[in-house]
Amino acid sequence: AIGTLRIAAATLGWSARVLDDVADATIEALLGLDRDADFEGAERESAELVMALWPGNTVSATLKLELEAVRELARQRWYGKANRLSPQDPVPWGIIDTVSAASRRP
């Protein structure tokens, strides 16, 4: 998926880069995945990364996600509620939760 996005961006004359230093909690706040009430009765979701996209080929040496911008976005009203992936009861995959917890970025 990352390669596909980078190729698509390059086709349009844009650039794309993975922001490696973003903590999982920050990604969750950006995407609304930290709202426990929104997942009531639904499987949890997780995101693996955040990417920056910008027009042109110039690269800033300080390409980072501003913490204050994340805080401001997290303060905004959230719309939406998670859907269940399956109408039946989900199959519990305990090992997935274990691996997910063990691989969180601080």
C-alpha atoms as a PDB file:
ATOM      1  CA  ALA A   1       0.000   0.000   0.000  1.00  0.00           C
ATOM      2  CA  ILE A   2       2.850   2.397   0.794  1.00  0.00           C
ATOM      3  CA  GLY A   3       4.526   1.752  -2.545  1.00  0.00           C
ATOM      4  CA  THR A   4       1.244   2.183  -4.408  1.00  0.00           C
ATOM      5  CA  LEU A   5       0.627   5.528  -2.732  1.00  0.00           C
ATOM      6  CA  ARG A   6       4.159   6.716  -3.476  1.00  0.00           C
ATOM      7  CA  ILE A   7       3.846   5.701  -7.136  1.00  0.00           C
ATOM      8  CA  ALA A   8       0.461   7.419  -7.439  1.00  0.00           C
ATOM      9  CA  ALA A   9       1.854  10.565  -5.816  1.00  0.00           C
ATOM     10  CA  ALA A  10       4.897  10.571  -8.114  1.00  0.00           C
ATOM     11  CA  THR A  11       2.644  10.158 -11.157  1.00  0.00           C
ATOM     12  CA  LEU A  12       0.984  13.441 -10.161  1.00  0.00           C
ATOM     13  CA  GLY A  13       4.302  15.141  -9.425  1.00  0.00           C
ATOM     14  CA  TRP A  14       3.802  14.814  -5.682  1.00  0.00           C
ATOM     15  CA  SER A  15       5.915  13.227  -2.960  1.00  0.00           C
ATOM     16  CA  ALA A  16       5.002  10.872  -0.127  1.00  0.00           C
ATOM     17  CA  ARG A  17       6.910   9.824   2.949  1.00  0.00           C
ATOM     18  CA  VAL A  18       6.147   7.676   5.978  1.00  0.00           C
ATOM     19  CA  LEU A  19       6.461   9.640   9.216  1.00  0.00           C
ATOM     20  CA  ASP A  20       8.374   7.076  11.273  1.00  0.00           C
ATOM     21  CA  ASP A  21       8.475   8.892  14.584  1.00  0.00           C
ATOM     22  CA  VAL A  22       4.714   9.124  15.218  1.00  0.00           C
ATOM     23  CA  ALA A  23       3.560   7.227  18.313  1.00  0.00           C
ATOM     24  CA  ASP A  24       0.598   4.876  18.069  1.00  0.00           C
ATOM     25  CA  ALA A  25      -1.359   6.997  20.580  1.00  0.00           C
ATOM     26  CA  THR A  26      -0.877  10.044  18.330  1.00  0.00           C
ATOM     27  CA  ILE A  27      -2.101   8.159  15.264  1.00  0.00           C
ATOM     28  CA  GLU A  28      -5.124   6.941  17.232  1.00  0.00           C
ATOM     29  CA  ALA A  29      -5.943  10.508  18.315  1.00  0.00           C
ATOM     30  CA  LEU A  30      -5.670  11.766  14.722  1.00  0.00           C
ATOM     31  CA  LEU A  31      -7.942   9.075  13.319  1.00  0.00           C
ATOM     32  CA  GLY A  32     -10.430   8.863  16.173  1.00  0.00           C
ATOM     33  CA  LEU A  33      -9.358   5.363  17.112  1.00  0.00           C
ATOM     34  CA  ASP A  34      -8.864   6.392  20.738  1.00  0.00           C
ATOM     35  CA  ARG A  35     -12.589   6.813  21.383  1.00  0.00           C
ATOM     36  CA  ASP A  36     -13.549   3.645  23.253  1.00  0.00           C
ATOM     37  CA  ALA A  37     -17.290   4.412  23.259  1.00  0.00           C
ATOM     38  CA  ASP A  38     -17.322   4.463  19.441  1.00  0.00           C
ATOM     39  CA  PHE A  39     -16.221   0.812  19.347  1.00  0.00           C
ATOM     40  CA  GLU A  40     -18.870  -0.572  21.669  1.00  0.00           C
ATOM     41  CA  GLY A  41     -19.864  -3.934  20.207  1.00  0.00           C
ATOM     42  CA  ALA A  42     -17.431  -3.564  17.292  1.00  0.00           C
ATOM     43  CA  GLU A  43     -13.927  -4.858  16.657  1.00  0.00           C
ATOM     44  CA  ARG A  44     -11.106  -2.447  17.495  1.00  0.00           C
ATOM     45  CA  GLU A  45      -9.211  -0.858  14.659  1.00  0.00           C
ATOM     46  CA  SER A  46      -5.589   0.151  14.523  1.00  0.00           C
ATOM     47  CA  ALA A  47      -3.468   2.109  12.107  1.00  0.00           C
ATOM     48  CA  GLU A  48       0.130   1.247  11.370  1.00  0.00           C
ATOM     49  CA  LEU A  49       1.469   4.579  10.181  1.00  0.00           C
ATOM     50  CA  VAL A  50       0.934   8.143   9.041  1.00  0.00           C
ATOM     51  CA  MET A  51       2.186   9.414   5.701  1.00  0.00           C
ATOM     52  CA  ALA A  52       2.837  12.947   4.537  1.00  0.00           C
ATOM     53  CA  LEU A  53       1.857  13.901   0.981  1.00  0.00           C
ATOM     54  CA  TRP A  54       2.850  17.171  -0.676  1.00  0.00           C
ATOM     55  CA  PRO A  55       3.084  18.667  -4.162  1.00  0.00           C
ATOM     56  CA  GLY A  56       6.496  18.701  -5.776  1.00  0.00           C
ATOM     57  CA  ASN A  57       9.746  16.883  -5.085  1.00  0.00           C
ATOM     58  CA  THR A  58      11.348  19.112  -2.467  1.00  0.00           C
ATOM     59  CA  VAL A  59      11.819  17.448   0.896  1.00  0.00           C
ATOM     60  CA  SER A  60      11.940  19.304   4.166  1.00  0.00           C
ATOM     61  CA  ALA A  61      14.569  18.036   6.571  1.00  0.00           C
ATOM     62  CA  THR A  62      12.108  18.736   9.399  1.00  0.00           C
ATOM     63  CA  LEU A  63       9.158  16.826   8.007  1.00  0.00           C
ATOM     64  CA  LYS A  64       7.232  15.983  11.176  1.00  0.00           C
ATOM     65  CA  LEU A  65       3.768  16.009  12.587  1.00  0.00           C
ATOM     66  CA  GLU A  66       3.281  19.022  14.843  1.00  0.00           C
ATOM     67  CA  LEU A  67       2.084  17.908  18.274  1.00  0.00           C
ATOM     68  CA  GLU A  68      -0.044  21.033  18.788  1.00  0.00           C
ATOM     69  CA  ALA A  69      -1.877  20.334  15.514  1.00  0.00           C
ATOM     70  CA  VAL A  70      -2.648  16.812  16.744  1.00  0.00           C
ATOM     71  CA  ARG A  71      -3.935  18.194  20.043  1.00  0.00           C
ATOM     72  CA  GLU A  72      -6.156  20.677  18.230  1.00  0.00           C
ATOM     73  CA  LEU A  73      -7.604  17.977  15.993  1.00  0.00           C
ATOM     74  CA  ALA A  74      -8.207  15.721  18.998  1.00  0.00           C
ATOM     75  CA  ARG A  75     -10.229  18.501  20.663  1.00  0.00           C
ATOM     76  CA  GLN A  76     -12.642  18.720  17.735  1.00  0.00           C
ATOM     77  CA  ARG A  77     -16.044  17.084  17.725  1.00  0.00           C
ATOM     78  CA  TRP A  78     -15.912  13.563  16.337  1.00  0.00           C
ATOM     79  CA  TYR A  79     -18.601  12.212  14.036  1.00  0.00           C
ATOM     80  CA  GLY A  80     -19.053   8.540  13.404  1.00  0.00           C
ATOM     81  CA  LYS A  81     -19.181   5.203  15.122  1.00  0.00           C
ATOM     82  CA  ALA A  82     -17.349   1.993  14.326  1.00  0.00           C
ATOM     83  CA  ASN A  83     -19.217  -0.703  12.401  1.00  0.00           C
ATOM     84  CA  ARG A  84     -18.963  -4.394  13.100  1.00  0.00           C
ATOM     85  CA  LEU A  85     -17.003  -6.257  10.480  1.00  0.00           C
ATOM     86  CA  SER A  86     -19.349  -9.206  10.687  1.00  0.00           C
ATOM     87  CA  PRO A  87     -23.006  -9.423  11.671  1.00  0.00           C
ATOM     88  CA  GLN A  88     -22.195 -12.587  13.619  1.00  0.00           C
ATOM     89  CA  ASP A  89     -20.159 -12.593  16.781  1.00  0.00           C
ATOM     90  CA  PRO A  90     -16.517 -12.015  15.862  1.00  0.00           C
ATOM     91  CA  VAL A  91     -14.059 -14.860  16.258  1.00  0.00           C
ATOM     92  CA  PRO A  92     -11.672 -13.983  19.095  1.00  0.00           C
ATOM     93  CA  TRP A  93      -8.056 -13.999  17.953  1.00  0.00           C
ATOM     94  CA  GLY A  94      -6.243 -13.426  21.238  1.00  0.00           C
ATOM     95  CA  ILE A  95      -2.799 -13.670  19.665  1.00  0.00           C
ATOM     96  CA  ILE A  96      -3.573 -10.684  17.421  1.00  0.00           C
ATOM     97  CA  ASP A  97      -4.347  -8.534  20.457  1.00  0.00           C
ATOM     98  CA  THR A  98      -1.169  -9.771  22.165  1.00  0.00           C
ATOM     99  CA  VAL A  99       1.032  -8.968  19.161  1.00  0.00           C
ATOM    100  CA  SER A 100      -0.665  -5.605  18.675  1.00  0.00           C
ATOM    101  CA  ALA A 101      -0.021  -4.629  22.299  1.00  0.00           C
ATOM    102  CA  ALA A 102       3.597  -5.830  22.136  1.00  0.00           C
ATOM    103  CA  SER A 103       4.376  -3.884  18.966  1.00  0.00           C
ATOM    104  CA  ARG A 104       2.966  -0.480  19.978  1.00  0.00           C
ATOM    105  CA  ARG A 105       5.218   2.507  19.332  1.00  0.00           C
ATOM    106  CA  PRO A 106       5.635   4.801  22.349  1.00  0.00           C
END
